[in-house]
């Protein structure tokens, strides 16, 4: 990862509103819970990765953050989630429905 570039620019990326609309739209379309600014910051971090590196996200839910990280980046992005019924019961979500929505969201991008 180009850590020097990331460290020099992450505050600018996080604090400006440039391209917020892209990540607001991803959040709206996927049903995600991550803020657009954090999604944009992850996207910037992935853009600084070497091609041999991979972004791995554990707990993708509906895929909003994973999709945001990969947006316009030609990098390897991997999502892992077990969709545990016990963890989703408080949200009153069917794990199969959440997984299917995530897969649908990823295919649409």
C-alpha atoms as a PDB file:
ATOM      1  CA  UNK A   1       0.000   0.000   0.000  1.00  0.00           C
ATOM      2  CA  UNK A   2       1.148   3.502  -0.699  1.00  0.00           C
ATOM      3  CA  UNK A   3       0.890   4.381   2.984  1.00  0.00           C
ATOM      4  CA  UNK A   4       2.660   7.720   2.584  1.00  0.00           C
ATOM      5  CA  UNK A   5       0.060   8.975   0.123  1.00  0.00           C
ATOM      6  CA  UNK A   6      -2.750   7.618   2.289  1.00  0.00           C
ATOM      7  CA  UNK A   7      -1.401   9.297   5.420  1.00  0.00           C
ATOM      8  CA  UNK A   8      -0.930  12.624   3.626  1.00  0.00           C
ATOM      9  CA  UNK A   9      -4.389  12.673   2.059  1.00  0.00           C
ATOM     10  CA  UNK A  10      -6.804  10.688   4.257  1.00  0.00           C
ATOM     11  CA  UNK A  11      -7.992  13.727   6.256  1.00  0.00           C
ATOM     12  CA  UNK A  12      -8.725  15.643   3.055  1.00  0.00           C
ATOM     13  CA  UNK A  13     -10.619  12.697   1.611  1.00  0.00           C
ATOM     14  CA  UNK A  14     -12.598  12.218   4.808  1.00  0.00           C
ATOM     15  CA  UNK A  15     -13.445  15.873   5.385  1.00  0.00           C
ATOM     16  CA  UNK A  16     -14.374  17.083   1.891  1.00  0.00           C
ATOM     17  CA  UNK A  17     -17.743  16.477   0.292  1.00  0.00           C
ATOM     18  CA  UNK A  18     -16.366  15.648  -3.156  1.00  0.00           C
ATOM     19  CA  UNK A  19     -17.992  12.451  -4.464  1.00  0.00           C
ATOM     20  CA  UNK A  20     -20.122  12.012  -1.329  1.00  0.00           C
ATOM     21  CA  UNK A  21     -23.105  11.611  -3.659  1.00  0.00           C
ATOM     22  CA  UNK A  22     -21.583   8.432  -5.126  1.00  0.00           C
ATOM     23  CA  UNK A  23     -21.315   6.774  -1.725  1.00  0.00           C
ATOM     24  CA  UNK A  24     -24.695   8.125  -0.571  1.00  0.00           C
ATOM     25  CA  UNK A  25     -26.223   6.474  -3.641  1.00  0.00           C
ATOM     26  CA  UNK A  26     -24.457   3.163  -2.938  1.00  0.00           C
ATOM     27  CA  UNK A  27     -25.756   3.273   0.643  1.00  0.00           C
ATOM     28  CA  UNK A  28     -29.291   4.027  -0.510  1.00  0.00           C
ATOM     29  CA  UNK A  29     -29.331   1.304  -3.180  1.00  0.00           C
ATOM     30  CA  UNK A  30     -27.799  -1.419  -1.011  1.00  0.00           C
ATOM     31  CA  UNK A  31     -29.462  -0.689   2.309  1.00  0.00           C
ATOM     32  CA  UNK A  32     -26.075  -0.250   3.919  1.00  0.00           C
ATOM     33  CA  UNK A  33     -25.334   1.208   7.319  1.00  0.00           C
ATOM     34  CA  UNK A  34     -21.868   2.734   6.787  1.00  0.00           C
ATOM     35  CA  UNK A  35     -21.716   6.511   6.456  1.00  0.00           C
ATOM     36  CA  UNK A  36     -20.840   7.816   2.984  1.00  0.00           C
ATOM     37  CA  UNK A  37     -17.686   9.520   4.309  1.00  0.00           C
ATOM     38  CA  UNK A  38     -16.346   6.311   5.877  1.00  0.00           C
ATOM     39  CA  UNK A  39     -17.209   4.418   2.680  1.00  0.00           C
ATOM     40  CA  UNK A  40     -15.314   7.060   0.687  1.00  0.00           C
ATOM     41  CA  UNK A  41     -12.315   6.741   3.024  1.00  0.00           C
ATOM     42  CA  UNK A  42     -12.244   2.955   2.578  1.00  0.00           C
ATOM     43  CA  UNK A  43     -12.485   3.454  -1.168  1.00  0.00           C
ATOM     44  CA  UNK A  44      -9.474   5.764  -1.038  1.00  0.00           C
ATOM     45  CA  UNK A  45      -7.534   3.266   1.093  1.00  0.00           C
ATOM     46  CA  UNK A  46      -8.223   0.491  -1.423  1.00  0.00           C
ATOM     47  CA  UNK A  47      -7.121   2.768  -4.260  1.00  0.00           C
ATOM     48  CA  UNK A  48      -3.727   3.026  -2.551  1.00  0.00           C
ATOM     49  CA  UNK A  49      -3.229  -0.756  -2.326  1.00  0.00           C
ATOM     50  CA  UNK A  50      -0.688  -2.558  -4.475  1.00  0.00           C
ATOM     51  CA  UNK A  51      -2.185  -4.898  -7.069  1.00  0.00           C
ATOM     52  CA  UNK A  52      -0.897  -7.918  -5.147  1.00  0.00           C
ATOM     53  CA  UNK A  53      -2.806  -6.857  -2.006  1.00  0.00           C
ATOM     54  CA  UNK A  54      -6.460  -7.629  -1.248  1.00  0.00           C
ATOM     55  CA  UNK A  55      -9.105  -5.827   0.789  1.00  0.00           C
ATOM     56  CA  UNK A  56     -10.888  -8.358   3.018  1.00  0.00           C
ATOM     57  CA  UNK A  57     -14.066  -7.436   4.855  1.00  0.00           C
ATOM     58  CA  UNK A  58     -15.488  -9.718   7.513  1.00  0.00           C
ATOM     59  CA  UNK A  59     -19.180  -9.056   8.065  1.00  0.00           C
ATOM     60  CA  UNK A  60     -20.508  -7.640   4.796  1.00  0.00           C
ATOM     61  CA  UNK A  61     -24.232  -7.572   5.670  1.00  0.00           C
ATOM     62  CA  UNK A  62     -25.817  -6.152   2.455  1.00  0.00           C
ATOM     63  CA  UNK A  63     -22.459  -5.345   0.838  1.00  0.00           C
ATOM     64  CA  UNK A  64     -22.518  -1.529   0.920  1.00  0.00           C
ATOM     65  CA  UNK A  65     -19.052  -1.088   2.412  1.00  0.00           C
ATOM     66  CA  UNK A  66     -17.521  -3.816   0.257  1.00  0.00           C
ATOM     67  CA  UNK A  67     -19.046  -2.273  -2.875  1.00  0.00           C
ATOM     68  CA  UNK A  68     -17.841   1.171  -1.799  1.00  0.00           C
ATOM     69  CA  UNK A  69     -14.312  -0.104  -1.201  1.00  0.00           C
ATOM     70  CA  UNK A  70     -14.232  -1.649  -4.675  1.00  0.00           C
ATOM     71  CA  UNK A  71     -15.915   1.235  -6.493  1.00  0.00           C
ATOM     72  CA  UNK A  72     -13.723   2.372  -9.432  1.00  0.00           C
ATOM     73  CA  UNK A  73     -10.800   0.371  -8.052  1.00  0.00           C
ATOM     74  CA  UNK A  74      -9.354  -2.543  -9.951  1.00  0.00           C
ATOM     75  CA  UNK A  75      -8.240  -4.313  -6.820  1.00  0.00           C
ATOM     76  CA  UNK A  76      -9.173  -7.623  -5.243  1.00  0.00           C
ATOM     77  CA  UNK A  77     -11.960  -7.138  -2.692  1.00  0.00           C
ATOM     78  CA  UNK A  78     -13.249 -10.125  -0.731  1.00  0.00           C
ATOM     79  CA  UNK A  79     -16.308 -10.221   1.513  1.00  0.00           C
ATOM     80  CA  UNK A  80     -16.904 -12.837   4.206  1.00  0.00           C
ATOM     81  CA  UNK A  81     -20.088 -13.254   6.236  1.00  0.00           C
ATOM     82  CA  UNK A  82     -21.705 -16.255   7.886  1.00  0.00           C
ATOM     83  CA  UNK A  83     -25.148 -14.603   8.133  1.00  0.00           C
ATOM     84  CA  UNK A  84     -25.699 -16.057  11.565  1.00  0.00           C
ATOM     85  CA  UNK A  85     -29.423 -16.244  12.441  1.00  0.00           C
ATOM     86  CA  UNK A  86     -28.573 -15.589  16.108  1.00  0.00           C
ATOM     87  CA  UNK A  87     -26.810 -12.312  15.243  1.00  0.00           C
ATOM     88  CA  UNK A  88     -29.585 -11.169  12.902  1.00  0.00           C
ATOM     89  CA  UNK A  89     -32.549 -12.050  15.128  1.00  0.00           C
ATOM     90  CA  UNK A  90     -32.547  -8.641  16.870  1.00  0.00           C
ATOM     91  CA  UNK A  91     -32.823  -7.010  13.456  1.00  0.00           C
ATOM     92  CA  UNK A  92     -35.680  -9.357  12.561  1.00  0.00           C
ATOM     93  CA  UNK A  93     -33.886 -10.276   9.331  1.00  0.00           C
ATOM     94  CA  UNK A  94     -33.945 -13.624   7.604  1.00  0.00           C
ATOM     95  CA  UNK A  95     -30.270 -14.533   7.045  1.00  0.00           C
ATOM     96  CA  UNK A  96     -31.036 -15.988   3.608  1.00  0.00           C
ATOM     97  CA  UNK A  97     -32.753 -12.754   2.551  1.00  0.00           C
ATOM     98  CA  UNK A  98     -29.824 -10.641   3.739  1.00  0.00           C
ATOM     99  CA  UNK A  99     -27.316 -12.888   1.944  1.00  0.00           C
ATOM    100  CA  UNK A 100     -29.399 -12.821  -1.233  1.00  0.00           C
ATOM    101  CA  UNK A 101     -29.629  -9.031  -1.072  1.00  0.00           C
ATOM    102  CA  UNK A 102     -25.855  -8.791  -0.664  1.00  0.00           C
ATOM    103  CA  UNK A 103     -25.273 -11.049  -3.666  1.00  0.00           C
ATOM    104  CA  UNK A 104     -27.785  -9.052  -5.714  1.00  0.00           C
ATOM    105  CA  UNK A 105     -26.113  -5.769  -4.742  1.00  0.00           C
ATOM    106  CA  UNK A 106     -22.665  -7.067  -5.694  1.00  0.00           C
ATOM    107  CA  UNK A 107     -23.906  -8.337  -9.052  1.00  0.00           C
ATOM    108  CA  UNK A 108     -25.438  -4.942  -9.823  1.00  0.00           C
ATOM    109  CA  UNK A 109     -22.112  -3.122  -9.474  1.00  0.00           C
END
